[in-house]
Amino acid sequence: MEFSAFTLRSEVARALEAKGFTTATPIQAAAIPLALEGKDVLGQARTGTGKTLAFGIPIAHRLDAARERGRAPRAFILTPTRELALQVAKELEWLAPHLSITPIYGGTGYGKQAEALKRGTDVVVATPGRAIDYMEQRVLELSRVEIVVLDEADEMLSMGFEEAVEQLLEATPATRQTLLFSATLPTWARRLSERFQRGATLINVIKDEAISYEEVAIQAPIHGRISVLSDLLFAYAPERTIVFTSTKAECNDLALGLESRAHSAAPIHGDMGQIDRERVMERFRSGAVSVLVATDVAARGLDIPEVDLVVHYRLPDQSESYLHRSGRTGRAGRSGKVVILYGPREKRELETLEREVKRSFKRVNPPTPEEVMEAKWAVLARRIARQPEADKKLWREQAERLIAEGGVDAVAGMLALILGGAPTPKSLITGEENWVTLKLSGSRLSVNRVVAVLKGAGAGEIGRIRLDGEVAAYVDIRPEDVSKLDHSVLRDLRLMKATEVPAESRLPERQGFRSQGSRQSQGRSQGGGQRRSQGERRLEGFEERREGERRRIVYR
């Protein structure tokens, strides 16, 4: 549907035309006609689908310009976060140039916002906590509100704003028009609609939306997870990435860790002041920062359509959180990728999440060191190709001297300084550092036989083992043991360094193999924070699954 099909006041129509908006998104096409008629709407749509215009256009069309000093607001919009409040206010400023828009939110002083309310305003965009403060101080008057909007109602619930939202709605006239938008509809949101809306029309555009992002799951033990994250950032080479973490402390630590690994990363969380948060967001939008490490609370209001990759550093506690996080990519007609990192003991939780969102995640292996090196070189080559000729001319004499004096070795040394030296060996199964994955081929392979053969060949610690049927086994051993292996004892078996391993599949786990006497797992932490008991082997538990006629077993 075209925006020209709506009968709008001239100021609004001109504003849309100036911005180049011609075609309405599904939520806009469904909600705007009803809202223009004064009807209550309960809209279910994902973040980034154009909800702001879905309620902004009816507000801009309905309210006439006013200049009375000290006037109370006639439109009241509630958002869960200050970032979203600021973004909504910014959108309304160009959409409704004839109206006064006032955002009020926490994390900053009360004075300027209170002065703006006292001067008089037409539209207030607020976070619940700050709105309650001003209402109790009798600075915010809601008795003249004609239209109320609740944006991202499910997020207000998850942030504990239920009581504040209900108190604010009770302070508005019963005759108001109410527009409620949410990505999901928890019980509280439905009760809120029943209590405060009048015959609301339910609009659900999510059921008709196709997922525009690829979802993959990578197993990565928590103690080596930042290394896997760094590798996939190099290998996937996204322009902009959001990495979601659970805590503010981890958010800071992860951003610093990525910076030390040559990624331009910055944290954003609730302990940061508003000015600092806005500065980080501006750097992220401009490309000065390519990786934003965020907590859920801080990221709920972000509206950045150019995000290429979303990484769940830890499994979300709830499917709603997963959907909100993942919805930051694949927006505005773009495709995207979502990566879920999980620990060896979080497989059941991952499968539970799949059932709740009604989708299967593709299991993939961590990037190999060779893939990371190739990706680093490709990025550098692209940057060199974009360099201004004047910059290259500045260093041409030194480059000629470098080649003349040192030849290829000098160039290789410079690349090592820029891109990093020899990579630390990593398991192709888990991405853990200081392991090398070998492939053992033969017949009638079992975990017992694999362990016996490698021990007989001189291997010390044996890490993760993944069987591919009975004809191949992928085994992690320590790098220093590789050259010590005696291949003469292998007989009919073949042993070589693996270049790739089959991705882990899904099937119910079975209780299985546990061996005594190995030292490597003593006190080591696994994903989910659990520790193995002293003497417990890494070959703990296994899964059995069938793919056609072939059996695949993964030993934990």
Protein backbone atom coordinates (compact mmCIF):
# COMPACT_ATOMS: atom_id res chain seq x y z
CA MET A 1 0.00 0.00 0.00
CA GLU A 2 1.27 3.47 -0.89
CA PHE A 3 1.29 6.29 1.69
CA SER A 4 -0.49 8.40 -0.92
CA ALA A 5 -3.55 6.20 -0.39
CA PHE A 6 -3.99 7.66 3.12
CA THR A 7 -5.79 10.97 3.54
CA LEU A 8 -3.25 12.92 5.58
CA ARG A 9 -2.80 16.56 6.52
CA SER A 10 -0.48 18.38 4.15
CA GLU A 11 2.39 18.79 6.64
CA VAL A 12 2.58 15.03 7.18
CA ALA A 13 2.28 14.15 3.50
CA ARG A 14 5.07 16.59 2.61
CA ALA A 15 7.30 15.23 5.39
CA LEU A 16 6.91 11.65 4.11
CA GLU A 17 7.60 12.75 0.55
CA ALA A 18 10.70 14.69 1.60
CA LYS A 19 12.09 11.59 3.31
CA GLY A 20 11.37 9.43 0.26
CA PHE A 21 8.83 7.20 1.98
CA THR A 22 6.34 5.90 -0.58
CA THR A 23 5.34 2.33 0.34
CA ALA A 24 4.02 1.25 3.73
CA THR A 25 5.41 -1.81 5.51
CA PRO A 26 2.92 -4.58 6.47
CA ILE A 27 2.40 -3.28 10.02
CA GLN A 28 1.95 0.28 8.72
CA ALA A 29 -0.49 -0.78 6.01
CA ALA A 30 -2.59 -2.71 8.53
CA ALA A 31 -2.46 -0.33 11.52
CA ILE A 32 -2.57 3.18 10.04
CA PRO A 33 -6.08 3.01 8.49
CA LEU A 34 -7.56 1.71 11.76
CA ALA A 35 -5.69 4.27 13.86
CA LEU A 36 -6.75 7.12 11.57
CA GLU A 37 -10.36 6.08 12.22
CA GLY A 38 -9.73 6.42 15.97
CA LYS A 39 -9.82 2.70 16.71
CA ASP A 40 -7.66 0.95 19.29
CA VAL A 41 -4.98 -1.34 17.84
CA LEU A 42 -3.07 -4.27 19.31
CA GLY A 43 -0.19 -4.75 16.88
CA GLN A 44 2.24 -7.66 16.90
CA ALA A 45 5.36 -6.94 14.85
CA ARG A 46 9.09 -7.39 15.19
CA THR A 47 11.51 -4.61 16.02
CA GLY A 48 12.63 -2.74 12.91
CA THR A 49 9.45 -3.23 10.86
CA GLY A 50 8.29 0.38 10.89
CA LYS A 51 6.17 0.57 14.02
CA THR A 52 7.18 4.18 14.73
CA LEU A 53 5.45 5.44 11.59
CA ALA A 54 2.54 3.05 12.25
CA PHE A 55 1.62 5.11 15.33
CA GLY A 56 3.46 8.33 14.46
CA ILE A 57 1.43 9.08 11.33
CA PRO A 58 -1.95 8.87 13.13
CA ILE A 59 -0.62 11.16 15.90
CA ALA A 60 0.82 13.67 13.43
CA HIS A 61 -2.42 13.70 11.43
CA ARG A 62 -4.79 13.92 14.39
CA LEU A 63 -3.23 16.70 16.47
CA ASP A 64 -3.47 20.33 15.39
CA ALA A 65 -0.68 22.79 16.09
CA ALA A 66 -0.93 24.64 19.41
CA ARG A 67 1.05 27.45 20.98
CA GLU A 68 -0.51 27.81 24.42
CA ARG A 69 2.17 28.07 27.10
CA GLY A 70 1.99 25.42 29.80
CA ARG A 71 -0.31 23.18 27.72
CA ALA A 72 -0.52 19.51 28.74
CA PRO A 73 0.44 16.83 26.19
CA ARG A 74 -2.25 15.37 23.96
CA ALA A 75 -0.23 12.31 22.93
CA PHE A 76 1.71 10.10 25.33
CA ILE A 77 4.14 7.43 24.10
CA LEU A 78 5.78 4.92 26.46
CA THR A 79 8.97 3.07 25.49
CA PRO A 80 11.07 0.65 27.55
CA THR A 81 14.44 2.41 27.12
CA ARG A 82 15.86 5.90 26.80
CA GLU A 83 17.49 5.04 23.46
CA LEU A 84 14.15 4.09 21.97
CA ALA A 85 12.51 7.19 23.48
CA LEU A 86 15.09 9.41 21.81
CA GLN A 87 14.76 7.61 18.48
CA VAL A 88 10.96 7.84 18.49
CA ALA A 89 11.13 11.54 19.38
CA LYS A 90 13.62 12.15 16.57
CA GLU A 91 11.32 10.44 14.05
CA LEU A 92 8.31 12.44 15.19
CA GLU A 93 10.20 15.73 14.89
CA TRP A 94 10.47 15.43 11.10
CA LEU A 95 7.15 13.65 10.68
CA ALA A 96 5.14 16.24 12.64
CA PRO A 97 6.93 19.60 12.23
CA HIS A 98 3.80 21.42 13.44
CA LEU A 99 3.96 19.71 16.87
CA SER A 100 6.24 20.07 19.89
CA ILE A 101 7.88 16.76 20.84
CA THR A 102 9.40 16.24 24.30
CA PRO A 103 11.35 13.10 25.24
CA ILE A 104 11.71 12.35 28.98
CA TYR A 105 13.95 9.57 30.23
CA GLY A 106 16.30 8.57 33.04
CA GLY A 107 20.06 8.66 33.15
CA THR A 108 20.22 12.45 32.94
CA GLY A 109 19.22 15.46 35.03
CA TYR A 110 15.63 16.45 35.74
CA GLY A 111 15.92 20.19 35.15
CA LYS A 112 15.81 20.61 31.36
CA GLN A 113 13.12 17.98 30.86
CA ALA A 114 10.97 19.50 33.59
CA GLU A 115 11.35 22.97 32.04
CA ALA A 116 10.23 21.63 28.65
CA LEU A 117 7.11 20.09 30.21
CA LYS A 118 6.30 23.31 32.08
CA ARG A 119 6.62 25.38 28.89
CA GLY A 120 4.03 23.15 27.27
CA THR A 121 4.26 20.37 24.71
CA ASP A 122 2.05 18.36 22.35
CA VAL A 123 3.67 14.91 22.45
CA VAL A 124 5.61 13.29 25.30
CA VAL A 125 7.80 10.26 24.59
CA ALA A 126 8.78 8.73 27.92
CA THR A 127 10.29 5.83 29.76
CA PRO A 128 7.99 4.60 32.57
CA GLY A 129 10.26 5.38 35.52
CA ARG A 130 10.95 9.00 34.63
CA ALA A 131 7.30 9.56 33.66
CA ILE A 132 6.18 8.36 37.12
CA ASP A 133 8.66 10.74 38.77
CA TYR A 134 7.34 13.77 36.86
CA MET A 135 3.72 12.77 37.40
CA GLU A 136 4.26 12.50 41.16
CA GLN A 137 5.97 15.91 41.11
CA ARG A 138 2.92 17.27 39.25
CA VAL A 139 5.13 18.30 36.35
CA LEU A 140 3.62 15.79 33.91
CA GLU A 141 -0.15 16.22 33.44
CA LEU A 142 -1.89 13.37 31.61
CA SER A 143 -5.54 14.48 31.93
CA ARG A 144 -5.69 15.90 28.38
CA VAL A 145 -4.12 12.95 26.59
CA GLU A 146 -6.09 11.92 23.50
CA ILE A 147 -3.90 9.09 22.24
CA VAL A 148 -1.61 6.71 24.14
CA VAL A 149 1.03 4.44 22.58
CA LEU A 150 2.81 1.55 24.27
CA ASP A 151 5.81 0.58 22.15
CA GLU A 152 7.48 -2.80 22.81
CA ALA A 153 5.11 -3.73 25.61
CA ASP A 154 6.72 -7.14 26.13
CA GLU A 155 10.05 -5.47 26.84
CA MET A 156 8.43 -3.26 29.48
CA LEU A 157 7.23 -6.43 31.15
CA SER A 158 10.66 -8.08 31.07
CA MET A 159 12.19 -4.92 32.59
CA GLY A 160 9.71 -4.89 35.48
CA PHE A 161 7.63 -1.86 34.43
CA GLU A 162 4.19 -3.48 34.77
CA GLU A 163 3.06 -1.47 37.80
CA ALA A 164 4.42 1.83 36.45
CA VAL A 165 2.75 1.34 33.06
CA GLU A 166 -0.62 0.55 34.63
CA GLN A 167 -0.34 3.56 36.97
CA LEU A 168 0.38 5.88 34.05
CA LEU A 169 -2.48 4.52 31.94
CA GLU A 170 -4.87 4.95 34.85
CA ALA A 171 -3.93 8.66 34.93
CA THR A 172 -5.08 9.19 31.32
CA PRO A 173 -8.72 9.81 30.27
CA ALA A 174 -10.86 6.73 29.67
CA THR A 175 -11.89 8.21 26.31
CA ARG A 176 -8.34 8.09 24.91
CA GLN A 177 -7.32 6.05 21.90
CA THR A 178 -4.77 3.35 22.80
CA LEU A 179 -2.26 1.77 20.42
CA LEU A 180 -0.23 -1.14 21.80
CA PHE A 181 2.66 -2.71 19.90
CA SER A 182 4.72 -5.73 20.88
CA ALA A 183 6.89 -8.38 19.23
CA THR A 184 5.36 -11.05 21.46
CA LEU A 185 2.11 -11.07 23.42
CA PRO A 186 2.72 -12.40 26.94
CA THR A 187 -0.23 -12.77 29.30
CA TRP A 188 0.39 -9.34 30.85
CA ALA A 189 0.21 -7.61 27.46
CA ARG A 190 -3.10 -9.31 26.71
CA ARG A 191 -4.50 -8.37 30.12
CA LEU A 192 -3.31 -4.82 29.57
CA SER A 193 -5.19 -4.72 26.27
CA GLU A 194 -8.36 -6.11 27.83
CA ARG A 195 -8.22 -3.57 30.66
CA PHE A 196 -7.17 -0.39 28.89
CA GLN A 197 -8.25 -0.82 25.26
CA ARG A 198 -11.75 -0.69 23.83
CA GLY A 199 -12.52 -3.37 21.28
CA ALA A 200 -8.96 -3.38 20.01
CA THR A 201 -8.25 -4.87 16.61
CA LEU A 202 -5.47 -7.47 16.72
CA ILE A 203 -2.92 -7.18 13.91
CA ASN A 204 -0.28 -9.91 13.66
CA VAL A 205 2.20 -9.44 10.84
CA ILE A 206 4.83 -11.71 12.42
CA LYS A 207 3.06 -14.87 11.29
CA ASP A 208 3.37 -13.71 7.68
CA GLU A 209 7.01 -12.59 7.95
CA ALA A 210 9.80 -14.75 6.62
CA ILE A 211 12.96 -14.92 8.72
CA SER A 212 15.56 -12.88 6.86
CA TYR A 213 18.58 -14.12 8.77
CA GLU A 214 20.49 -17.39 8.87
CA GLU A 215 20.76 -19.07 12.27
CA VAL A 216 23.79 -21.20 13.16
CA ALA A 217 24.98 -22.74 16.42
CA ILE A 218 28.65 -23.21 17.29
CA GLN A 219 29.80 -25.26 20.25
CA ALA A 220 32.40 -23.29 22.23
CA PRO A 221 33.37 -24.03 25.86
CA ILE A 222 33.08 -20.84 27.88
CA HIS A 223 36.75 -20.69 28.95
CA GLY A 224 37.86 -20.42 25.31
CA ARG A 225 34.80 -18.73 23.87
CA ILE A 226 36.30 -15.30 23.28
CA SER A 227 38.89 -16.90 20.99
CA VAL A 228 36.12 -18.54 18.94
CA LEU A 229 34.23 -15.24 18.83
CA SER A 230 37.32 -13.41 17.57
CA ASP A 231 37.87 -16.03 14.88
CA LEU A 232 34.31 -15.92 13.59
CA LEU A 233 34.41 -12.10 13.48
CA PHE A 234 37.47 -12.37 11.24
CA ALA A 235 36.06 -15.26 9.17
CA TYR A 236 32.59 -13.80 8.62
CA ALA A 237 33.95 -10.26 8.17
CA PRO A 238 30.72 -8.38 8.99
CA GLU A 239 30.66 -4.60 8.73
CA ARG A 240 28.66 -4.27 11.94
CA THR A 241 28.12 -6.82 14.68
CA ILE A 242 26.20 -6.83 17.97
CA VAL A 243 27.39 -9.33 20.58
CA PHE A 244 24.93 -9.92 23.42
CA THR A 245 26.21 -10.76 26.89
CA SER A 246 24.54 -11.48 30.21
CA THR A 247 26.21 -9.03 32.59
CA LYS A 248 27.72 -5.55 32.59
CA ALA A 249 31.06 -6.90 33.83
CA GLU A 250 31.25 -9.46 31.04
CA CYS A 251 30.22 -6.76 28.57
CA ASN A 252 33.23 -4.62 29.56
CA ASP A 253 35.64 -7.55 29.68
CA LEU A 254 34.55 -8.89 26.32
CA ALA A 255 34.89 -5.52 24.59
CA LEU A 256 38.42 -5.13 26.00
CA GLY A 257 39.28 -8.69 24.98
CA LEU A 258 38.13 -8.10 21.42
CA GLU A 259 40.05 -4.82 21.26
CA SER A 260 43.22 -6.70 22.25
CA ARG A 261 42.53 -9.10 19.37
CA ALA A 262 42.46 -6.26 16.79
CA HIS A 263 38.69 -5.76 16.63
CA SER A 264 37.21 -2.28 16.98
CA ALA A 265 34.78 -3.03 19.80
CA ALA A 266 32.93 -0.99 22.41
CA PRO A 267 30.59 -1.90 25.29
CA ILE A 268 27.15 -0.46 26.01
CA HIS A 269 25.25 -1.21 29.21
CA GLY A 270 23.04 0.32 31.84
CA ASP A 271 25.83 1.64 34.07
CA MET A 272 27.03 3.99 31.35
CA GLY A 273 25.82 7.58 31.35
CA GLN A 274 23.55 8.79 28.59
CA ILE A 275 26.26 10.91 26.94
CA ASP A 276 28.67 7.97 26.88
CA ARG A 277 26.02 5.66 25.43
CA GLU A 278 25.12 8.14 22.71
CA ARG A 279 28.81 8.59 21.88
CA VAL A 280 29.25 4.81 21.51
CA MET A 281 26.16 4.56 19.32
CA GLU A 282 27.35 7.36 17.07
CA ARG A 283 30.72 5.63 16.61
CA PHE A 284 28.92 2.38 15.82
CA ARG A 285 26.67 4.03 13.24
CA SER A 286 29.59 5.82 11.60
CA GLY A 287 31.66 2.63 11.37
CA ALA A 288 34.39 3.78 13.76
CA VAL A 289 33.31 0.85 15.95
CA SER A 290 32.38 -2.36 14.15
CA VAL A 291 31.52 -4.57 17.15
CA LEU A 292 29.00 -3.45 19.76
CA VAL A 293 29.04 -5.59 22.92
CA ALA A 294 25.73 -5.07 24.67
CA THR A 295 23.57 -6.27 27.51
CA ASP A 296 19.89 -6.90 26.83
CA VAL A 297 18.74 -3.86 28.80
CA ALA A 298 21.04 -1.50 26.92
CA ALA A 299 20.27 -2.92 23.49
CA ARG A 300 16.48 -3.01 23.66
CA GLY A 301 16.08 0.47 22.27
CA LEU A 302 18.68 0.26 19.53
CA ASP A 303 17.46 0.89 16.01
CA ILE A 304 20.31 0.16 13.61
CA PRO A 305 19.15 -1.42 10.34
CA GLU A 306 22.67 -2.10 9.01
CA VAL A 307 23.68 -4.84 11.48
CA ASP A 308 25.07 -7.83 9.57
CA LEU A 309 25.73 -10.25 12.43
CA VAL A 310 24.21 -10.91 15.85
CA VAL A 311 26.11 -13.15 18.25
CA HIS A 312 24.57 -14.66 21.37
CA TYR A 313 27.68 -15.03 23.54
CA ARG A 314 25.59 -17.00 26.01
CA LEU A 315 22.31 -18.79 25.49
CA PRO A 316 19.36 -16.49 26.24
CA ASP A 317 17.24 -17.41 29.23
CA GLN A 318 13.99 -16.95 27.31
CA SER A 319 12.92 -17.37 23.72
CA GLU A 320 11.50 -13.82 23.73
CA SER A 321 14.96 -12.49 24.52
CA TYR A 322 16.42 -14.57 21.70
CA LEU A 323 13.89 -13.19 19.22
CA HIS A 324 14.50 -9.59 20.29
CA ARG A 325 18.25 -10.00 20.09
CA SER A 326 18.19 -11.78 16.73
CA GLY A 327 15.76 -9.25 15.30
CA ARG A 328 18.56 -6.66 15.28
CA THR A 329 19.84 -8.15 12.02
CA GLY A 330 18.07 -8.94 8.75
CA ARG A 331 16.14 -5.65 8.82
CA ALA A 332 15.17 -3.05 6.24
CA GLY A 333 15.22 -5.63 3.45
CA ARG A 334 18.73 -6.86 4.26
CA SER A 335 19.80 -10.40 5.03
CA GLY A 336 21.77 -11.21 8.17
CA LYS A 337 23.30 -13.95 10.26
CA VAL A 338 22.70 -15.03 13.85
CA VAL A 339 25.29 -17.11 15.73
CA ILE A 340 24.51 -18.91 18.99
CA LEU A 341 27.52 -19.96 21.06
CA TYR A 342 26.84 -22.78 23.51
CA GLY A 343 28.81 -25.05 25.81
CA PRO A 344 29.14 -28.84 25.67
CA ARG A 345 26.64 -29.18 28.50
CA GLU A 346 24.09 -26.77 27.05
CA LYS A 347 22.91 -28.95 24.20
CA ARG A 348 19.54 -29.69 25.77
CA GLU A 349 18.95 -26.00 26.47
CA LEU A 350 19.77 -25.24 22.84
CA GLU A 351 17.27 -27.82 21.61
CA THR A 352 14.64 -26.42 24.00
CA LEU A 353 15.19 -22.99 22.47
CA GLU A 354 14.74 -24.47 19.00
CA ARG A 355 11.41 -25.99 20.00
CA GLU A 356 10.21 -22.72 21.52
CA VAL A 357 11.02 -20.61 18.43
CA LYS A 358 9.89 -23.46 16.13
CA ARG A 359 13.09 -23.39 14.06
CA SER A 360 16.19 -25.52 13.79
CA PHE A 361 19.65 -23.99 14.02
CA LYS A 362 22.32 -25.27 11.69
CA ARG A 363 25.26 -26.75 13.60
CA VAL A 364 28.58 -25.57 12.24
CA ASN A 365 32.18 -25.85 13.40
CA PRO A 366 34.32 -22.93 14.56
CA PRO A 367 36.40 -21.34 11.79
CA THR A 368 39.71 -23.09 11.18
CA PRO A 369 43.01 -21.21 11.62
CA GLU A 370 43.47 -21.37 7.85
CA GLU A 371 40.05 -19.80 7.27
CA VAL A 372 40.85 -17.04 9.75
CA MET A 373 44.20 -16.28 8.08
CA GLU A 374 42.60 -16.17 4.63
CA ALA A 375 39.84 -13.88 5.91
CA LYS A 376 42.36 -11.52 7.50
CA TRP A 377 44.27 -11.31 4.23
CA ALA A 378 41.08 -10.67 2.24
CA VAL A 379 40.11 -7.79 4.54
CA LEU A 380 43.58 -6.27 4.30
CA ALA A 381 43.57 -6.59 0.50
CA ARG A 382 40.26 -4.74 0.31
CA ARG A 383 41.58 -1.97 2.56
CA ILE A 384 44.71 -1.62 0.44
CA ALA A 385 42.61 -1.38 -2.72
CA ARG A 386 40.64 1.51 -1.19
CA GLN A 387 43.68 3.47 -0.06
CA PRO A 388 44.13 6.91 -1.64
CA GLU A 389 46.98 7.12 -4.10
CA ALA A 390 48.52 9.99 -2.11
CA ASP A 391 48.82 7.77 0.98
CA LYS A 392 50.53 5.01 -0.96
CA LYS A 393 52.87 7.49 -2.63
CA LEU A 394 53.99 8.70 0.79
CA TRP A 395 55.42 5.24 1.62
CA ARG A 396 56.49 4.06 -1.84
CA GLU A 397 60.19 4.82 -1.30
CA GLN A 398 60.25 2.84 1.95
CA ALA A 399 58.38 -0.03 0.29
CA GLU A 400 60.95 -0.21 -2.53
CA ARG A 401 63.78 -0.18 0.00
CA LEU A 402 62.10 -2.90 2.07
CA ILE A 403 61.77 -5.19 -0.95
CA ALA A 404 65.30 -4.45 -2.16
CA GLU A 405 66.87 -5.18 1.22
CA GLY A 406 64.69 -7.97 2.53
CA GLY A 407 62.74 -9.34 -0.42
CA VAL A 408 59.76 -11.62 0.17
CA ASP A 409 60.80 -12.37 3.75
CA ALA A 410 60.56 -8.69 4.67
CA VAL A 411 57.07 -8.41 3.18
CA ALA A 412 56.02 -11.61 4.98
CA GLY A 413 57.34 -10.19 8.25
CA MET A 414 55.37 -7.00 7.77
CA LEU A 415 52.20 -9.02 7.10
CA ALA A 416 52.84 -11.01 10.28
CA LEU A 417 53.07 -7.75 12.23
CA ILE A 418 49.81 -6.50 10.72
CA LEU A 419 47.77 -9.71 10.62
CA GLY A 420 49.39 -11.70 13.41
CA GLY A 421 51.94 -14.46 13.54
CA ALA A 422 51.49 -18.20 13.57
CA PRO A 423 48.03 -18.99 15.01
CA THR A 424 47.69 -20.92 18.24
CA PRO A 425 46.62 -24.50 17.44
CA LYS A 426 42.89 -24.98 18.00
CA SER A 427 40.50 -27.88 18.14
CA LEU A 428 38.35 -28.12 15.03
CA ILE A 429 35.66 -29.70 17.20
CA THR A 430 35.34 -27.10 19.98
CA GLY A 431 37.59 -24.19 18.99
CA GLU A 432 39.60 -24.59 22.22
CA GLU A 433 43.20 -23.46 21.99
CA ASN A 434 46.23 -25.75 22.41
CA TRP A 435 44.60 -28.77 20.83
CA VAL A 436 45.19 -30.34 17.41
CA THR A 437 42.44 -32.36 15.74
CA LEU A 438 43.55 -35.57 14.01
CA LYS A 439 41.52 -37.85 11.76
CA LEU A 440 41.82 -41.58 12.31
CA SER A 441 40.43 -43.69 9.44
CA GLY A 442 39.82 -47.42 9.32
CA SER A 443 37.14 -49.93 10.22
CA ARG A 444 35.29 -50.94 13.38
CA LEU A 445 36.29 -47.77 15.19
CA SER A 446 34.92 -47.20 18.68
CA VAL A 447 35.90 -44.79 21.39
CA ASN A 448 37.72 -47.50 23.31
CA ARG A 449 39.70 -48.55 20.27
CA VAL A 450 40.55 -44.95 19.36
CA VAL A 451 41.87 -44.24 22.85
CA ALA A 452 43.84 -47.49 22.95
CA VAL A 453 45.40 -46.90 19.53
CA LEU A 454 46.46 -43.32 20.26
CA LYS A 455 47.79 -44.19 23.70
CA GLY A 456 49.75 -47.03 22.15
CA ALA A 457 51.15 -44.61 19.57
CA GLY A 458 52.44 -42.32 22.30
CA ALA A 459 49.69 -39.73 22.82
CA GLY A 460 49.48 -38.10 26.23
CA GLU A 461 46.27 -36.15 26.88
CA ILE A 462 43.32 -37.02 24.70
CA GLY A 463 40.59 -34.44 24.42
CA ARG A 464 37.31 -34.51 22.58
CA ILE A 465 36.49 -37.45 20.26
CA ARG A 466 33.86 -37.39 17.57
CA LEU A 467 33.05 -40.61 15.70
CA ASP A 468 31.71 -40.47 12.17
CA GLY A 469 30.15 -43.88 11.82
CA GLU A 470 32.65 -46.69 12.42
CA VAL A 471 35.09 -45.67 9.69
CA ALA A 472 36.43 -42.34 10.94
CA ALA A 473 37.21 -40.65 14.23
CA TYR A 474 38.22 -37.06 14.91
CA VAL A 475 40.39 -36.74 18.00
CA ASP A 476 41.93 -33.81 19.88
CA ILE A 477 45.47 -34.24 21.23
CA ARG A 478 48.04 -31.78 22.49
CA PRO A 479 50.23 -30.10 19.80
CA GLU A 480 53.48 -31.29 21.38
CA ASP A 481 52.34 -34.93 21.06
CA VAL A 482 51.75 -34.83 17.30
CA SER A 483 55.41 -35.33 16.33
CA LYS A 484 55.85 -38.08 18.97
CA LEU A 485 53.21 -40.42 17.55
CA ASP A 486 54.51 -43.76 16.29
CA HIS A 487 52.56 -44.45 13.09
CA SER A 488 54.01 -47.97 12.82
CA VAL A 489 51.64 -49.26 15.52
CA LEU A 490 48.56 -48.15 13.61
CA ARG A 491 48.58 -51.22 11.34
CA ASP A 492 45.49 -50.99 9.13
CA LEU A 493 44.54 -47.50 10.37
CA ARG A 494 45.46 -44.15 8.81
CA LEU A 495 46.19 -41.05 10.90
CA MET A 496 46.47 -37.50 9.55
CA LYS A 497 45.86 -33.94 10.60
CA ALA A 498 42.19 -33.06 10.06
CA THR A 499 41.33 -30.05 7.92
CA GLU A 500 37.62 -30.18 8.75
CA VAL A 501 35.24 -32.23 10.87
CA PRO A 502 31.57 -33.11 10.40
CA ALA A 503 29.31 -30.61 12.11
CA GLU A 504 27.59 -31.83 15.23
CA SER A 505 24.08 -33.14 14.68
CA ARG A 506 21.07 -33.22 17.00
CA LEU A 507 19.74 -36.29 18.69
CA PRO A 508 18.96 -37.34 22.25
CA GLU A 509 21.99 -37.83 24.45
CA ARG A 510 22.73 -41.18 26.02
CA GLN A 511 24.61 -41.80 29.22
CA GLY A 512 27.86 -43.29 28.22
CA PHE A 513 31.57 -43.48 28.40
CA ARG A 514 33.42 -42.32 31.50
CA SER A 515 37.00 -43.28 32.17
CA GLN A 516 39.16 -42.79 35.27
CA GLY A 517 42.71 -41.63 35.70
CA SER A 518 43.11 -38.72 33.29
CA ARG A 519 44.45 -35.47 34.71
CA GLN A 520 43.45 -32.98 32.02
CA SER A 521 39.89 -32.48 33.17
CA GLN A 522 40.58 -31.95 36.85
CA GLY A 523 38.72 -28.85 37.93
CA ARG A 524 38.20 -27.57 34.39
CA SER A 525 35.10 -25.52 33.75
CA GLN A 526 32.70 -26.33 30.96
CA GLY A 527 29.89 -24.34 29.34
CA GLY A 528 27.14 -23.57 31.79
CA GLY A 529 29.62 -23.15 34.63
CA GLN A 530 29.70 -26.81 35.69
CA ARG A 531 32.98 -28.45 36.71
CA ARG A 532 34.06 -31.99 36.13
CA SER A 533 35.04 -34.05 39.15
CA GLN A 534 38.65 -34.95 39.77
CA GLY A 535 39.89 -37.77 37.51
CA GLU A 536 36.97 -37.49 35.10
CA ARG A 537 37.85 -37.91 31.42
CA ARG A 538 36.84 -35.45 28.69
CA LEU A 539 35.26 -38.47 27.01
CA GLU A 540 32.17 -37.99 29.15
CA GLY A 541 28.81 -38.99 27.79
CA PHE A 542 27.96 -39.54 24.18
CA GLU A 543 25.20 -39.07 21.71
CA GLU A 544 24.06 -41.53 19.12
CA ARG A 545 22.24 -40.46 16.00
CA ARG A 546 21.34 -41.92 12.66
CA GLU A 547 21.70 -40.15 9.35
CA GLY A 548 20.32 -42.50 6.75
CA GLU A 549 22.17 -45.76 7.35
CA ARG A 550 25.22 -44.12 8.93
CA ARG A 551 25.66 -43.81 12.67
CA ARG A 552 27.41 -40.77 14.14
CA ILE A 553 28.52 -40.59 17.75
CA VAL A 554 29.89 -37.60 19.61
CA TYR A 555 31.84 -38.26 22.79
CA ARG A 556 31.88 -35.56 25.39
